[in-house]
Amino acid sequence: MAASAVIFFIVGSVMGRCFPNSIMVKERKKRKKIETKVDNLSSELNSNSKYTNDKLDEHRKVFGVVSDEMKGMKVDIEYLSSKTGKHDMEFNNIMNRLKG
């Protein structure tokens, strides 16, 4: 006998009456329905949580790739900037020699 049925029987007996079997059956059905809903909600929550975690991992990987590419671009920019500076300096030296 389920715990809730035992409690109903004891409470009913203490109060001087016994609950009819149909009431206990209805209560069992209600409890089973609630348990089913809780199980379904729990399963859905786990599924949504897994989906969210998978998406977060995917985004982390994308950000990692973008970060690596940006680091490479920074190095390229610094290199090109130094080359431009050298060319500007050489150009100014040539212009000064031609003027002078």
Protein backbone atom coordinates (compact mmCIF):
# COMPACT_ATOMS: atom_id res chain seq x y z
CA MET A 1 0.00 0.00 0.00
CA ALA A 2 1.37 3.40 -0.94
CA ALA A 3 2.37 5.79 1.83
CA SER A 4 -0.34 8.33 0.98
CA ALA A 5 -3.00 5.60 1.02
CA VAL A 6 -1.79 4.50 4.45
CA ILE A 7 -1.94 8.08 5.70
CA PHE A 8 -5.47 8.49 4.33
CA PHE A 9 -6.53 5.24 5.96
CA ILE A 10 -5.02 6.19 9.32
CA VAL A 11 -6.46 9.71 9.25
CA GLY A 12 -9.84 8.35 8.20
CA SER A 13 -9.76 5.73 10.93
CA VAL A 14 -8.80 8.27 13.57
CA MET A 15 -11.60 10.53 12.49
CA GLY A 16 -14.02 7.64 12.83
CA ARG A 17 -14.56 6.87 9.21
CA CYS A 18 -12.77 5.09 6.37
CA PHE A 19 -12.25 6.67 2.99
CA PRO A 20 -13.95 4.86 0.16
CA ASN A 21 -11.66 3.07 -2.25
CA SER A 22 -12.64 5.41 -5.10
CA ILE A 23 -11.19 8.42 -3.24
CA MET A 24 -7.87 6.62 -2.77
CA VAL A 25 -7.83 5.64 -6.45
CA LYS A 26 -8.49 9.26 -7.46
CA GLU A 27 -5.71 10.45 -5.18
CA ARG A 28 -3.31 7.88 -6.64
CA LYS A 29 -4.23 8.99 -10.15
CA LYS A 30 -3.67 12.64 -9.22
CA ARG A 31 -0.32 11.84 -7.65
CA LYS A 32 0.74 9.76 -10.66
CA LYS A 33 -0.29 12.59 -12.99
CA ILE A 34 1.76 15.09 -10.96
CA GLU A 35 4.75 12.73 -10.93
CA THR A 36 4.49 12.37 -14.71
CA LYS A 37 4.38 16.15 -15.16
CA VAL A 38 7.40 16.60 -12.89
CA ASP A 39 9.31 13.91 -14.80
CA ASN A 40 8.44 15.54 -18.13
CA LEU A 41 9.46 18.99 -16.91
CA SER A 42 12.70 17.61 -15.49
CA SER A 43 13.51 15.89 -18.77
CA GLU A 44 12.73 19.06 -20.73
CA LEU A 45 14.90 21.14 -18.40
CA ASN A 46 17.81 18.73 -18.81
CA SER A 47 17.41 18.82 -22.58
CA ASN A 48 17.32 22.62 -22.65
CA SER A 49 20.32 22.79 -20.35
CA LYS A 50 22.32 20.48 -22.61
CA TYR A 51 21.36 22.53 -25.68
CA THR A 52 22.40 25.76 -23.93
CA ASN A 53 25.73 24.30 -22.82
CA ASP A 54 26.42 22.99 -26.34
CA LYS A 55 25.73 26.45 -27.80
CA LEU A 56 28.00 28.10 -25.21
CA ASP A 57 30.82 25.70 -26.09
CA GLU A 58 30.28 26.43 -29.78
CA HIS A 59 30.45 30.19 -29.15
CA ARG A 60 33.59 29.84 -27.02
CA LYS A 61 35.29 28.04 -29.91
CA VAL A 62 34.25 30.75 -32.36
CA PHE A 63 35.54 33.47 -30.04
CA GLY A 64 38.81 31.57 -29.69
CA VAL A 65 39.25 31.43 -33.45
CA VAL A 66 38.40 35.13 -33.83
CA SER A 67 40.79 36.02 -31.01
CA ASP A 68 43.63 34.08 -32.65
CA GLU A 69 42.95 35.78 -35.98
CA MET A 70 42.92 39.21 -34.34
CA LYS A 71 46.27 38.51 -32.68
CA GLY A 72 47.68 37.64 -36.09
CA MET A 73 46.21 40.83 -37.56
CA LYS A 74 47.79 42.89 -34.78
CA VAL A 75 51.21 41.45 -35.59
CA ASP A 76 50.64 42.14 -39.30
CA ILE A 77 49.57 45.73 -38.58
CA GLU A 78 52.60 46.35 -36.38
CA TYR A 79 54.90 44.90 -39.06
CA LEU A 80 53.33 46.98 -41.83
CA SER A 81 53.38 50.07 -39.64
CA SER A 82 57.10 49.68 -39.02
CA LYS A 83 57.69 49.16 -42.75
CA THR A 84 55.69 52.31 -43.54
CA GLY A 85 57.70 54.26 -40.99
CA LYS A 86 60.97 53.10 -42.60
CA HIS A 87 59.75 54.00 -46.08
CA ASP A 88 58.58 57.43 -44.91
CA MET A 89 61.97 58.07 -43.34
CA GLU A 90 63.84 56.96 -46.48
CA PHE A 91 61.52 59.09 -48.64
CA ASN A 92 62.19 62.16 -46.47
CA ASN A 93 65.96 61.52 -46.64
CA ILE A 94 65.83 61.29 -50.44
CA MET A 95 63.70 64.47 -50.68
CA ASN A 96 66.14 66.35 -48.38
CA ARG A 97 69.14 65.22 -50.50
CA LEU A 98 67.42 66.37 -53.71
CA LYS A 99 66.59 69.76 -52.19
CA GLY A 100 69.97 70.23 -50.62
